[in-house]
Amino acid sequence: MDQTRKYLARSFFFLLYQFVRYKYEHVEVIFIAHTTEAKEVNEDEFFYKGESGGIYISSGCDKTLEIIEQRYMWNIYAFHCSDGDNWNDDNPKAVELAKEIREICSKVLNHILIINLFQLLHV
């Protein structure tokens, strides 16, 4: 992801994050950053620190599913933004995991917005 795309993705998430915090009094936001490995990060790390390297989108999906399973049962919103870069051999796994996330979220909410950094919102 070049610097412009990183800036655009982070800007989008910053505005989304501000909207959610304004709209909902009780919300828990989980930030997940990923390259070939995913990790939960804090707000500062998510918005102001970047990593470079190859991307396995499935690592972000795996981390998202792990966090959902460990912590949440309802009102789960998942947001993902990407420049579309991914290792070709990861695409089938990433698609299957994204479908699984969609199913978990849609069972609870009857709808899900996934925008091609995973971010979970627990309202």
C-alpha atoms as a PDB file:
ATOM      1  CA  MET A   1       0.000   0.000   0.000  1.00  0.00           C
ATOM      2  CA  ASP A   2       1.577   3.293  -0.970  1.00  0.00           C
ATOM      3  CA  GLN A   3       1.510   6.330   1.326  1.00  0.00           C
ATOM      4  CA  THR A   4      -1.499   7.914  -0.389  1.00  0.00           C
ATOM      5  CA  ARG A   5      -3.592   4.756  -0.061  1.00  0.00           C
ATOM      6  CA  LYS A   6      -2.538   4.339   3.572  1.00  0.00           C
ATOM      7  CA  TYR A   7      -3.569   7.925   4.254  1.00  0.00           C
ATOM      8  CA  LEU A   8      -6.939   7.450   2.536  1.00  0.00           C
ATOM      9  CA  ALA A   9      -7.671   4.200   4.398  1.00  0.00           C
ATOM     10  CA  ARG A  10      -6.736   5.698   7.753  1.00  0.00           C
ATOM     11  CA  SER A  11      -8.695   8.875   7.021  1.00  0.00           C
ATOM     12  CA  PHE A  12     -11.790   6.837   6.183  1.00  0.00           C
ATOM     13  CA  PHE A  13     -11.478   4.847   9.410  1.00  0.00           C
ATOM     14  CA  PHE A  14     -10.820   7.947  11.468  1.00  0.00           C
ATOM     15  CA  LEU A  15     -14.045   9.543  10.218  1.00  0.00           C
ATOM     16  CA  LEU A  16     -15.988   6.306  10.719  1.00  0.00           C
ATOM     17  CA  TYR A  17     -14.568   5.947  14.233  1.00  0.00           C
ATOM     18  CA  GLN A  18     -15.519   9.531  15.125  1.00  0.00           C
ATOM     19  CA  PHE A  19     -19.051   8.982  13.813  1.00  0.00           C
ATOM     20  CA  VAL A  20     -19.517   5.793  15.823  1.00  0.00           C
ATOM     21  CA  ARG A  21     -18.171   7.371  19.008  1.00  0.00           C
ATOM     22  CA  TYR A  22     -20.504  10.352  18.512  1.00  0.00           C
ATOM     23  CA  LYS A  23     -23.552   8.246  17.666  1.00  0.00           C
ATOM     24  CA  TYR A  24     -23.266   5.542  20.349  1.00  0.00           C
ATOM     25  CA  GLU A  25     -22.666   6.178  24.029  1.00  0.00           C
ATOM     26  CA  HIS A  26     -21.546   2.628  24.838  1.00  0.00           C
ATOM     27  CA  VAL A  27     -19.286   1.242  22.144  1.00  0.00           C
ATOM     28  CA  GLU A  28     -16.133  -0.813  22.250  1.00  0.00           C
ATOM     29  CA  VAL A  29     -13.799  -0.507  19.281  1.00  0.00           C
ATOM     30  CA  ILE A  30     -11.154  -3.093  18.506  1.00  0.00           C
ATOM     31  CA  PHE A  31      -8.411  -2.204  16.033  1.00  0.00           C
ATOM     32  CA  ILE A  32      -6.656  -4.959  14.103  1.00  0.00           C
ATOM     33  CA  ALA A  33      -3.663  -4.242  11.898  1.00  0.00           C
ATOM     34  CA  HIS A  34      -2.177  -6.877   9.637  1.00  0.00           C
ATOM     35  CA  THR A  35       0.520  -7.620   7.132  1.00  0.00           C
ATOM     36  CA  THR A  36       1.419 -11.313   6.993  1.00  0.00           C
ATOM     37  CA  GLU A  37       0.463 -11.524  10.675  1.00  0.00           C
ATOM     38  CA  ALA A  38      -2.370  -9.747  12.442  1.00  0.00           C
ATOM     39  CA  LYS A  39      -2.405  -8.181  15.876  1.00  0.00           C
ATOM     40  CA  GLU A  40      -4.731  -6.156  17.996  1.00  0.00           C
ATOM     41  CA  VAL A  41      -3.438  -2.610  18.357  1.00  0.00           C
ATOM     42  CA  ASN A  42      -4.507   0.523  20.165  1.00  0.00           C
ATOM     43  CA  GLU A  43      -5.927   3.617  18.510  1.00  0.00           C
ATOM     44  CA  ASP A  44      -2.575   5.417  18.241  1.00  0.00           C
ATOM     45  CA  GLU A  45      -0.849   2.420  16.698  1.00  0.00           C
ATOM     46  CA  PHE A  46      -3.676   1.978  14.223  1.00  0.00           C
ATOM     47  CA  PHE A  47      -3.842   5.570  13.034  1.00  0.00           C
ATOM     48  CA  TYR A  48      -0.255   6.758  13.378  1.00  0.00           C
ATOM     49  CA  LYS A  49       2.088   3.792  12.979  1.00  0.00           C
ATOM     50  CA  GLY A  50       2.373   1.755   9.873  1.00  0.00           C
ATOM     51  CA  GLU A  51       4.058  -1.427   8.866  1.00  0.00           C
ATOM     52  CA  SER A  52       5.145  -2.494   5.464  1.00  0.00           C
ATOM     53  CA  GLY A  53       5.566  -5.841   3.854  1.00  0.00           C
ATOM     54  CA  GLY A  54       3.458  -8.446   2.198  1.00  0.00           C
ATOM     55  CA  ILE A  55      -0.215  -8.755   3.000  1.00  0.00           C
ATOM     56  CA  TYR A  56      -2.196 -11.807   3.977  1.00  0.00           C
ATOM     57  CA  ILE A  57      -5.737 -10.573   4.394  1.00  0.00           C
ATOM     58  CA  SER A  58      -6.621 -13.910   5.949  1.00  0.00           C
ATOM     59  CA  SER A  59      -4.438 -13.070   8.971  1.00  0.00           C
ATOM     60  CA  GLY A  60      -6.727 -10.119   9.734  1.00  0.00           C
ATOM     61  CA  CYS A  61      -9.786 -12.290   9.231  1.00  0.00           C
ATOM     62  CA  ASP A  62      -8.411 -14.986  11.536  1.00  0.00           C
ATOM     63  CA  LYS A  63      -7.695 -12.426  14.267  1.00  0.00           C
ATOM     64  CA  THR A  64     -11.167 -10.931  13.851  1.00  0.00           C
ATOM     65  CA  LEU A  65     -12.847 -14.323  14.261  1.00  0.00           C
ATOM     66  CA  GLU A  66     -10.653 -15.098  17.277  1.00  0.00           C
ATOM     67  CA  ILE A  67     -11.653 -11.865  19.012  1.00  0.00           C
ATOM     68  CA  ILE A  68     -15.347 -12.305  18.215  1.00  0.00           C
ATOM     69  CA  GLU A  69     -15.292 -15.852  19.587  1.00  0.00           C
ATOM     70  CA  GLN A  70     -13.491 -14.850  22.789  1.00  0.00           C
ATOM     71  CA  ARG A  71     -15.338 -11.642  23.637  1.00  0.00           C
ATOM     72  CA  TYR A  72     -18.570 -10.913  21.815  1.00  0.00           C
ATOM     73  CA  MET A  73     -21.991 -12.387  21.195  1.00  0.00           C
ATOM     74  CA  TRP A  74     -24.166  -9.646  19.697  1.00  0.00           C
ATOM     75  CA  ASN A  75     -24.204  -6.336  17.872  1.00  0.00           C
ATOM     76  CA  ILE A  76     -20.982  -6.951  15.997  1.00  0.00           C
ATOM     77  CA  TYR A  77     -20.039  -4.695  13.112  1.00  0.00           C
ATOM     78  CA  ALA A  78     -16.942  -5.500  11.069  1.00  0.00           C
ATOM     79  CA  PHE A  79     -15.246  -2.985   8.798  1.00  0.00           C
ATOM     80  CA  HIS A  80     -12.347  -3.748   6.483  1.00  0.00           C
ATOM     81  CA  CYS A  81     -10.545  -1.367   4.195  1.00  0.00           C
ATOM     82  CA  SER A  82      -7.926  -2.406   1.680  1.00  0.00           C
ATOM     83  CA  ASP A  83      -6.095  -1.258  -1.396  1.00  0.00           C
ATOM     84  CA  GLY A  84      -6.796  -4.719  -2.776  1.00  0.00           C
ATOM     85  CA  ASP A  85      -3.241  -6.025  -2.411  1.00  0.00           C
ATOM     86  CA  ASN A  86      -2.991  -9.606  -1.204  1.00  0.00           C
ATOM     87  CA  TRP A  87      -0.784 -12.580  -1.978  1.00  0.00           C
ATOM     88  CA  ASN A  88      -2.573 -14.595  -4.660  1.00  0.00           C
ATOM     89  CA  ASP A  89      -2.257 -17.833  -2.719  1.00  0.00           C
ATOM     90  CA  ASP A  90      -4.124 -16.225   0.197  1.00  0.00           C
ATOM     91  CA  ASN A  91      -7.169 -15.102  -1.786  1.00  0.00           C
ATOM     92  CA  PRO A  92      -9.280 -18.301  -1.420  1.00  0.00           C
ATOM     93  CA  LYS A  93      -8.697 -18.453   2.349  1.00  0.00           C
ATOM     94  CA  ALA A  94      -9.375 -14.720   2.763  1.00  0.00           C
ATOM     95  CA  VAL A  95     -12.653 -14.972   0.866  1.00  0.00           C
ATOM     96  CA  GLU A  96     -13.845 -17.946   2.945  1.00  0.00           C
ATOM     97  CA  LEU A  97     -12.957 -16.240   6.235  1.00  0.00           C
ATOM     98  CA  ALA A  98     -14.637 -12.988   5.140  1.00  0.00           C
ATOM     99  CA  LYS A  99     -17.786 -14.985   4.376  1.00  0.00           C
ATOM    100  CA  GLU A 100     -17.618 -16.520   7.850  1.00  0.00           C
ATOM    101  CA  ILE A 101     -17.349 -13.059   9.421  1.00  0.00           C
ATOM    102  CA  ARG A 102     -20.261 -11.868   7.314  1.00  0.00           C
ATOM    103  CA  GLU A 103     -22.363 -14.820   8.469  1.00  0.00           C
ATOM    104  CA  ILE A 104     -21.606 -14.183  12.147  1.00  0.00           C
ATOM    105  CA  CYS A 105     -22.468 -10.528  11.808  1.00  0.00           C
ATOM    106  CA  SER A 106     -25.567 -11.023   9.665  1.00  0.00           C
ATOM    107  CA  LYS A 107     -27.037 -13.641  12.004  1.00  0.00           C
ATOM    108  CA  VAL A 108     -26.994 -11.076  14.740  1.00  0.00           C
ATOM    109  CA  LEU A 109     -27.843  -7.944  12.789  1.00  0.00           C
ATOM    110  CA  ASN A 110     -29.537  -9.127   9.616  1.00  0.00           C
ATOM    111  CA  HIS A 111     -27.068  -6.959   7.734  1.00  0.00           C
ATOM    112  CA  ILE A 112     -23.359  -6.235   7.589  1.00  0.00           C
ATOM    113  CA  LEU A 113     -21.237  -3.602   6.012  1.00  0.00           C
ATOM    114  CA  ILE A 114     -17.834  -4.857   4.964  1.00  0.00           C
ATOM    115  CA  ILE A 115     -15.666  -2.295   3.298  1.00  0.00           C
ATOM    116  CA  ASN A 116     -12.665  -3.539   1.485  1.00  0.00           C
ATOM    117  CA  LEU A 117      -7.254  -3.066   8.610  1.00  0.00           C
ATOM    118  CA  PHE A 118     -10.273  -4.904  10.149  1.00  0.00           C
ATOM    119  CA  GLN A 119     -12.019  -2.994  12.818  1.00  0.00           C
ATOM    120  CA  LEU A 120     -14.660  -4.395  15.107  1.00  0.00           C
ATOM    121  CA  LEU A 121     -17.304  -2.378  16.791  1.00  0.00           C
ATOM    122  CA  HIS A 122     -19.238  -3.780  19.704  1.00  0.00           C
ATOM    123  CA  VAL A 123     -22.272  -1.658  20.472  1.00  0.00           C
END
